[in-house]
Amino acid sequence: MRVGTQAIRLDMTMSLDGFVVGPQDSVDAPMGVGGFRLFNWLDHRLDPGPNGQVFAEMNATRAVIAGRRTYEHADRWHGDHHDGVPVFVLTHHVPEEPPPGSVRYVTDVHACAAQARAAAGDADVVVQGAGAAQALLRAGELDEMELHIVPVLLGRGRRLFDHLPAEPTELELTRVLNASDADPAHRVLHLRYRIQRPSSTQTTGAN
């Protein structure tokens, strides 16, 4: 459940047809075939304007929740997602090898959310990965979504919303930032939504 103004917020880039990576993604090819097209806008992540704003906001979060698949495909972020903040990896199985840096493995989605909220203090928690997002949404632990919509149709790959709750999820659009003045390869629409769905009791991990 949301605590005060603190939010657990998904931060994901996706194609217009809903894909977050291309097909055949793996540790060696983390974005799959053609998937790095989705990250072009990050070339301007330090510039003034919408891209710089949303990137700075993500870096202002004080804890990270990620699915195991995203974590592994990102080369474990070398133990540090940003600024040494705690990283909570939601997983079905805890590996025997100790995690690097500030990473912690958690198998229960509610416990993962609670630990991340506590670690973040008054700041927000950022969520990375489709598996973690779906698990948190099903459990009623996801508060907001910051979606970076890239004007491309990938056609294949891994979708952000493959495994949704059975009932509809109502969303409130709270912000629109349009980086429309960039060249075509770098254009992106940043949409922030607040989730209106009540929590459930599902407690599964995520990959």
C-alpha atoms as a PDB file:
ATOM      1  CA  MET A   1       0.000   0.000   0.000  1.00  0.00           C
ATOM      2  CA  ARG A   2       1.120   3.516  -0.730  1.00  0.00           C
ATOM      3  CA  VAL A   3       2.628   5.347   2.264  1.00  0.00           C
ATOM      4  CA  GLY A   4       2.002   9.121   2.309  1.00  0.00           C
ATOM      5  CA  THR A   5       3.337  10.696  -0.860  1.00  0.00           C
ATOM      6  CA  GLN A   6       5.938   7.975  -1.417  1.00  0.00           C
ATOM      7  CA  ALA A   7       5.376   5.904  -4.549  1.00  0.00           C
ATOM      8  CA  ILE A   8       6.607   2.626  -5.964  1.00  0.00           C
ATOM      9  CA  ARG A   9       6.864   3.669  -9.599  1.00  0.00           C
ATOM     10  CA  LEU A  10       7.547   1.578 -12.667  1.00  0.00           C
ATOM     11  CA  ASP A  11       9.975   3.290 -15.045  1.00  0.00           C
ATOM     12  CA  MET A  12       9.943   1.588 -18.434  1.00  0.00           C
ATOM     13  CA  THR A  13      10.568   2.421 -22.067  1.00  0.00           C
ATOM     14  CA  MET A  14       8.299   0.647 -24.529  1.00  0.00           C
ATOM     15  CA  SER A  15       7.377   0.612 -28.189  1.00  0.00           C
ATOM     16  CA  LEU A  16       3.968   1.830 -29.294  1.00  0.00           C
ATOM     17  CA  ASP A  17       2.857  -1.801 -29.659  1.00  0.00           C
ATOM     18  CA  GLY A  18       3.858  -2.589 -26.085  1.00  0.00           C
ATOM     19  CA  PHE A  19       7.256  -4.285 -26.309  1.00  0.00           C
ATOM     20  CA  VAL A  20      10.075  -3.531 -23.855  1.00  0.00           C
ATOM     21  CA  VAL A  21      12.721  -5.658 -25.605  1.00  0.00           C
ATOM     22  CA  GLY A  22      13.038  -7.241 -29.021  1.00  0.00           C
ATOM     23  CA  PRO A  23      12.902 -11.000 -29.670  1.00  0.00           C
ATOM     24  CA  GLN A  24      15.642 -13.404 -28.579  1.00  0.00           C
ATOM     25  CA  ASP A  25      16.742 -11.346 -25.583  1.00  0.00           C
ATOM     26  CA  SER A  26      19.412 -12.953 -23.417  1.00  0.00           C
ATOM     27  CA  VAL A  27      22.301 -12.106 -21.115  1.00  0.00           C
ATOM     28  CA  ASP A  28      24.480 -11.648 -24.199  1.00  0.00           C
ATOM     29  CA  ALA A  29      21.798  -9.655 -26.067  1.00  0.00           C
ATOM     30  CA  PRO A  30      19.835  -7.938 -23.260  1.00  0.00           C
ATOM     31  CA  MET A  31      17.561  -5.918 -25.554  1.00  0.00           C
ATOM     32  CA  GLY A  32      17.033  -8.670 -28.113  1.00  0.00           C
ATOM     33  CA  VAL A  33      16.949  -8.117 -31.844  1.00  0.00           C
ATOM     34  CA  GLY A  34      16.341  -4.429 -32.606  1.00  0.00           C
ATOM     35  CA  GLY A  35      15.464  -3.596 -29.012  1.00  0.00           C
ATOM     36  CA  PHE A  36      18.115  -0.942 -28.480  1.00  0.00           C
ATOM     37  CA  ARG A  37      16.006   1.314 -30.703  1.00  0.00           C
ATOM     38  CA  LEU A  38      13.919   1.918 -27.586  1.00  0.00           C
ATOM     39  CA  PHE A  39      16.857   3.491 -25.789  1.00  0.00           C
ATOM     40  CA  ASN A  40      17.727   6.152 -28.371  1.00  0.00           C
ATOM     41  CA  TRP A  41      16.057   8.868 -26.310  1.00  0.00           C
ATOM     42  CA  LEU A  42      18.540   8.231 -23.499  1.00  0.00           C
ATOM     43  CA  ASP A  43      21.210   9.853 -25.664  1.00  0.00           C
ATOM     44  CA  HIS A  44      19.625  13.101 -24.410  1.00  0.00           C
ATOM     45  CA  ARG A  45      19.064  12.023 -20.794  1.00  0.00           C
ATOM     46  CA  LEU A  46      21.356  14.747 -19.465  1.00  0.00           C
ATOM     47  CA  ASP A  47      19.926  17.543 -21.619  1.00  0.00           C
ATOM     48  CA  PRO A  48      17.443  20.174 -20.396  1.00  0.00           C
ATOM     49  CA  GLY A  49      13.833  19.383 -21.151  1.00  0.00           C
ATOM     50  CA  PRO A  50      11.563  16.355 -20.688  1.00  0.00           C
ATOM     51  CA  ASN A  51      14.227  13.670 -21.168  1.00  0.00           C
ATOM     52  CA  GLY A  52      16.568  15.210 -18.631  1.00  0.00           C
ATOM     53  CA  GLN A  53      13.707  15.759 -16.194  1.00  0.00           C
ATOM     54  CA  VAL A  54      12.445  12.177 -16.140  1.00  0.00           C
ATOM     55  CA  PHE A  55      15.975  10.769 -15.979  1.00  0.00           C
ATOM     56  CA  ALA A  56      16.825  13.016 -13.022  1.00  0.00           C
ATOM     57  CA  GLU A  57      13.629  11.960 -11.264  1.00  0.00           C
ATOM     58  CA  MET A  58      14.524   8.301 -11.697  1.00  0.00           C
ATOM     59  CA  ASN A  59      17.968   8.959 -10.217  1.00  0.00           C
ATOM     60  CA  ALA A  60      16.341  10.719  -7.254  1.00  0.00           C
ATOM     61  CA  THR A  61      14.658   7.477  -6.162  1.00  0.00           C
ATOM     62  CA  ARG A  62      16.273   5.840  -3.148  1.00  0.00           C
ATOM     63  CA  ALA A  63      15.572   2.140  -3.764  1.00  0.00           C
ATOM     64  CA  VAL A  64      15.139  -0.164  -6.761  1.00  0.00           C
ATOM     65  CA  ILE A  65      12.923  -3.203  -7.317  1.00  0.00           C
ATOM     66  CA  ALA A  66      13.820  -5.402 -10.277  1.00  0.00           C
ATOM     67  CA  GLY A  67      12.843  -8.799 -11.584  1.00  0.00           C
ATOM     68  CA  ARG A  68      15.516 -11.477 -11.728  1.00  0.00           C
ATOM     69  CA  ARG A  69      15.499 -11.599 -15.538  1.00  0.00           C
ATOM     70  CA  THR A  70      16.017  -7.845 -15.867  1.00  0.00           C
ATOM     71  CA  TYR A  71      18.710  -7.900 -13.208  1.00  0.00           C
ATOM     72  CA  GLU A  72      20.665 -10.685 -14.922  1.00  0.00           C
ATOM     73  CA  HIS A  73      20.263  -9.239 -18.420  1.00  0.00           C
ATOM     74  CA  ALA A  74      21.543  -5.879 -17.158  1.00  0.00           C
ATOM     75  CA  ASP A  75      24.751  -7.596 -16.014  1.00  0.00           C
ATOM     76  CA  ARG A  76      23.528  -7.117 -12.427  1.00  0.00           C
ATOM     77  CA  TRP A  77      24.243  -3.391 -12.886  1.00  0.00           C
ATOM     78  CA  HIS A  78      27.663  -4.306 -11.523  1.00  0.00           C
ATOM     79  CA  GLY A  79      26.111  -4.143  -8.058  1.00  0.00           C
ATOM     80  CA  ASP A  80      25.035  -0.488  -8.285  1.00  0.00           C
ATOM     81  CA  HIS A  81      21.944   0.698 -10.142  1.00  0.00           C
ATOM     82  CA  HIS A  82      22.477   4.350  -9.174  1.00  0.00           C
ATOM     83  CA  ASP A  83      24.162   6.136  -6.274  1.00  0.00           C
ATOM     84  CA  GLY A  84      24.579   2.929  -4.259  1.00  0.00           C
ATOM     85  CA  VAL A  85      20.860   2.687  -3.391  1.00  0.00           C
ATOM     86  CA  PRO A  86      19.521  -0.709  -2.233  1.00  0.00           C
ATOM     87  CA  VAL A  87      18.411  -2.983  -5.074  1.00  0.00           C
ATOM     88  CA  PHE A  88      15.736  -5.562  -4.258  1.00  0.00           C
ATOM     89  CA  VAL A  89      15.611  -8.398  -6.791  1.00  0.00           C
ATOM     90  CA  LEU A  90      12.270 -10.194  -6.857  1.00  0.00           C
ATOM     91  CA  THR A  91      12.929 -13.840  -7.668  1.00  0.00           C
ATOM     92  CA  HIS A  92      11.404 -17.313  -7.321  1.00  0.00           C
ATOM     93  CA  HIS A  93      14.690 -18.833  -6.153  1.00  0.00           C
ATOM     94  CA  VAL A  94      17.563 -17.246  -4.228  1.00  0.00           C
ATOM     95  CA  PRO A  95      20.929 -18.224  -5.735  1.00  0.00           C
ATOM     96  CA  GLU A  96      23.658 -19.580  -3.508  1.00  0.00           C
ATOM     97  CA  GLU A  97      26.140 -16.954  -4.700  1.00  0.00           C
ATOM     98  CA  PRO A  98      25.958 -13.800  -2.540  1.00  0.00           C
ATOM     99  CA  PRO A  99      24.698 -10.764  -4.468  1.00  0.00           C
ATOM    100  CA  PRO A 100      27.088  -7.909  -5.241  1.00  0.00           C
ATOM    101  CA  GLY A 101      26.988  -4.424  -3.760  1.00  0.00           C
ATOM    102  CA  SER A 102      23.689  -3.335  -2.231  1.00  0.00           C
ATOM    103  CA  VAL A 103      21.609  -6.054  -3.935  1.00  0.00           C
ATOM    104  CA  ARG A 104      19.209  -8.202  -1.915  1.00  0.00           C
ATOM    105  CA  TYR A 105      17.139 -11.155  -3.174  1.00  0.00           C
ATOM    106  CA  VAL A 106      13.490 -11.380  -2.066  1.00  0.00           C
ATOM    107  CA  THR A 107      10.989 -14.119  -2.932  1.00  0.00           C
ATOM    108  CA  ASP A 108       7.754 -12.558  -1.642  1.00  0.00           C
ATOM    109  CA  VAL A 109       6.351  -9.587  -3.537  1.00  0.00           C
ATOM    110  CA  HIS A 110       4.751  -7.921  -0.503  1.00  0.00           C
ATOM    111  CA  ALA A 111       7.934  -8.294   1.551  1.00  0.00           C
ATOM    112  CA  CYS A 112       9.946  -6.913  -1.365  1.00  0.00           C
ATOM    113  CA  ALA A 113       7.726  -3.843  -1.593  1.00  0.00           C
ATOM    114  CA  ALA A 114       7.814  -3.291   2.171  1.00  0.00           C
ATOM    115  CA  GLN A 115      11.604  -3.552   2.337  1.00  0.00           C
ATOM    116  CA  ALA A 116      12.045  -1.190  -0.606  1.00  0.00           C
ATOM    117  CA  ARG A 117       9.652   1.384   0.875  1.00  0.00           C
ATOM    118  CA  ALA A 118      11.486   1.279   4.203  1.00  0.00           C
ATOM    119  CA  ALA A 119      14.874   1.612   2.526  1.00  0.00           C
ATOM    120  CA  ALA A 120      13.739   4.601   0.445  1.00  0.00           C
ATOM    121  CA  GLY A 121      12.526   6.599   3.453  1.00  0.00           C
ATOM    122  CA  ASP A 122      10.551   9.605   2.204  1.00  0.00           C
ATOM    123  CA  ALA A 123      11.751   9.141  -1.396  1.00  0.00           C
ATOM    124  CA  ASP A 124      10.210   7.046  -4.168  1.00  0.00           C
ATOM    125  CA  VAL A 125      11.093   3.518  -5.262  1.00  0.00           C
ATOM    126  CA  VAL A 126      11.801   2.792  -8.922  1.00  0.00           C
ATOM    127  CA  VAL A 127      10.775  -0.497 -10.560  1.00  0.00           C
ATOM    128  CA  GLN A 128      12.692  -1.980 -13.472  1.00  0.00           C
ATOM    129  CA  GLY A 129      11.529  -4.896 -15.604  1.00  0.00           C
ATOM    130  CA  ALA A 130       8.286  -6.352 -16.923  1.00  0.00           C
ATOM    131  CA  GLY A 131       8.250  -9.337 -14.567  1.00  0.00           C
ATOM    132  CA  ALA A 132       8.600  -7.231 -11.434  1.00  0.00           C
ATOM    133  CA  ALA A 133       6.017  -4.740 -12.701  1.00  0.00           C
ATOM    134  CA  GLN A 134       3.459  -7.478 -13.377  1.00  0.00           C
ATOM    135  CA  ALA A 135       4.027  -9.120  -9.970  1.00  0.00           C
ATOM    136  CA  LEU A 136       3.723  -5.811  -8.107  1.00  0.00           C
ATOM    137  CA  LEU A 137       0.609  -4.864 -10.074  1.00  0.00           C
ATOM    138  CA  ARG A 138      -1.087  -8.197  -9.336  1.00  0.00           C
ATOM    139  CA  ALA A 139      -0.234  -7.790  -5.642  1.00  0.00           C
ATOM    140  CA  GLY A 140      -1.564  -4.237  -5.454  1.00  0.00           C
ATOM    141  CA  GLU A 141       1.881  -2.870  -4.567  1.00  0.00           C
ATOM    142  CA  LEU A 142       2.525  -0.731  -7.665  1.00  0.00           C
ATOM    143  CA  ASP A 143       1.474   2.915  -7.208  1.00  0.00           C
ATOM    144  CA  GLU A 144       2.492   4.635 -10.451  1.00  0.00           C
ATOM    145  CA  MET A 145       3.879   4.023 -13.905  1.00  0.00           C
ATOM    146  CA  GLU A 146       6.245   6.280 -15.840  1.00  0.00           C
ATOM    147  CA  LEU A 147       6.100   4.979 -19.405  1.00  0.00           C
ATOM    148  CA  HIS A 148       8.422   6.298 -22.092  1.00  0.00           C
ATOM    149  CA  ILE A 149       6.601   5.616 -25.354  1.00  0.00           C
ATOM    150  CA  VAL A 150       8.873   5.415 -28.387  1.00  0.00           C
ATOM    151  CA  PRO A 151       7.208   5.917 -31.813  1.00  0.00           C
ATOM    152  CA  VAL A 152       8.161   2.549 -33.271  1.00  0.00           C
ATOM    153  CA  LEU A 153       6.366  -0.780 -33.743  1.00  0.00           C
ATOM    154  CA  LEU A 154       8.765  -3.594 -32.858  1.00  0.00           C
ATOM    155  CA  GLY A 155       6.273  -6.297 -33.794  1.00  0.00           C
ATOM    156  CA  ARG A 156       7.965  -8.968 -31.680  1.00  0.00           C
ATOM    157  CA  GLY A 157       9.671  -9.338 -28.329  1.00  0.00           C
ATOM    158  CA  ARG A 158       8.641  -9.232 -24.668  1.00  0.00           C
ATOM    159  CA  ARG A 159       5.585  -7.176 -23.803  1.00  0.00           C
ATOM    160  CA  LEU A 160       5.267  -5.093 -20.659  1.00  0.00           C
ATOM    161  CA  PHE A 161       1.709  -6.211 -19.918  1.00  0.00           C
ATOM    162  CA  ASP A 162       1.652  -9.915 -20.792  1.00  0.00           C
ATOM    163  CA  HIS A 163       0.354 -11.197 -17.433  1.00  0.00           C
ATOM    164  CA  LEU A 164      -2.204  -8.820 -15.985  1.00  0.00           C
ATOM    165  CA  PRO A 165      -4.768  -9.273 -13.192  1.00  0.00           C
ATOM    166  CA  ALA A 166      -8.028 -10.822 -14.354  1.00  0.00           C
ATOM    167  CA  GLU A 167     -10.019  -7.695 -13.497  1.00  0.00           C
ATOM    168  CA  PRO A 168      -9.605  -4.284 -15.190  1.00  0.00           C
ATOM    169  CA  THR A 169      -7.039  -1.872 -13.773  1.00  0.00           C
ATOM    170  CA  GLU A 170      -8.072   1.771 -13.800  1.00  0.00           C
ATOM    171  CA  LEU A 171      -5.344   4.368 -14.395  1.00  0.00           C
ATOM    172  CA  GLU A 172      -5.255   8.128 -13.901  1.00  0.00           C
ATOM    173  CA  LEU A 173      -3.053  10.076 -16.283  1.00  0.00           C
ATOM    174  CA  THR A 174      -1.205  12.584 -14.087  1.00  0.00           C
ATOM    175  CA  ARG A 175       1.469  13.975 -16.430  1.00  0.00           C
ATOM    176  CA  VAL A 176       2.446  14.184 -20.095  1.00  0.00           C
ATOM    177  CA  LEU A 177       5.925  15.282 -21.212  1.00  0.00           C
ATOM    178  CA  ASN A 178       6.538  15.264 -24.945  1.00  0.00           C
ATOM    179  CA  ALA A 179      10.078  15.336 -26.352  1.00  0.00           C
ATOM    180  CA  SER A 180       8.701  16.141 -29.798  1.00  0.00           C
ATOM    181  CA  ASP A 181      11.386  18.645 -30.782  1.00  0.00           C
ATOM    182  CA  ALA A 182      14.047  15.945 -31.105  1.00  0.00           C
ATOM    183  CA  ASP A 183      15.000  14.363 -34.406  1.00  0.00           C
ATOM    184  CA  PRO A 184      12.790  11.374 -35.372  1.00  0.00           C
ATOM    185  CA  ALA A 185      15.183   8.747 -33.981  1.00  0.00           C
ATOM    186  CA  HIS A 186      15.102  10.370 -30.519  1.00  0.00           C
ATOM    187  CA  ARG A 187      11.454  11.326 -30.087  1.00  0.00           C
ATOM    188  CA  VAL A 188       9.601   9.954 -27.068  1.00  0.00           C
ATOM    189  CA  LEU A 189       6.423  10.632 -25.099  1.00  0.00           C
ATOM    190  CA  HIS A 190       6.687  10.378 -21.296  1.00  0.00           C
ATOM    191  CA  LEU A 191       3.390   9.418 -19.648  1.00  0.00           C
ATOM    192  CA  ARG A 192       2.871   9.133 -15.884  1.00  0.00           C
ATOM    193  CA  TYR A 193      -0.107   7.199 -14.541  1.00  0.00           C
ATOM    194  CA  ARG A 194      -1.425   6.660 -11.022  1.00  0.00           C
ATOM    195  CA  ILE A 195      -2.886   3.208 -10.484  1.00  0.00           C
ATOM    196  CA  GLN A 196      -6.423   3.157  -9.108  1.00  0.00           C
ATOM    197  CA  ARG A 197      -6.717  -0.574  -8.523  1.00  0.00           C
ATOM    198  CA  PRO A 198      -7.141  -1.923  -4.929  1.00  0.00           C
ATOM    199  CA  SER A 199      -4.549  -4.392  -3.659  1.00  0.00           C
ATOM    200  CA  SER A 200      -4.811  -8.173  -3.841  1.00  0.00           C
ATOM    201  CA  THR A 201      -3.121 -10.900  -1.846  1.00  0.00           C
ATOM    202  CA  GLN A 202      -1.014 -12.647  -4.477  1.00  0.00           C
ATOM    203  CA  THR A 203       2.550 -13.365  -3.289  1.00  0.00           C
ATOM    204  CA  THR A 204       4.538 -14.715  -6.203  1.00  0.00           C
ATOM    205  CA  GLY A 205       8.072 -13.844  -7.243  1.00  0.00           C
ATOM    206  CA  ALA A 206       9.098 -12.540 -10.648  1.00  0.00           C
ATOM    207  CA  ASN A 207      11.736 -13.287 -13.263  1.00  0.00           C
END
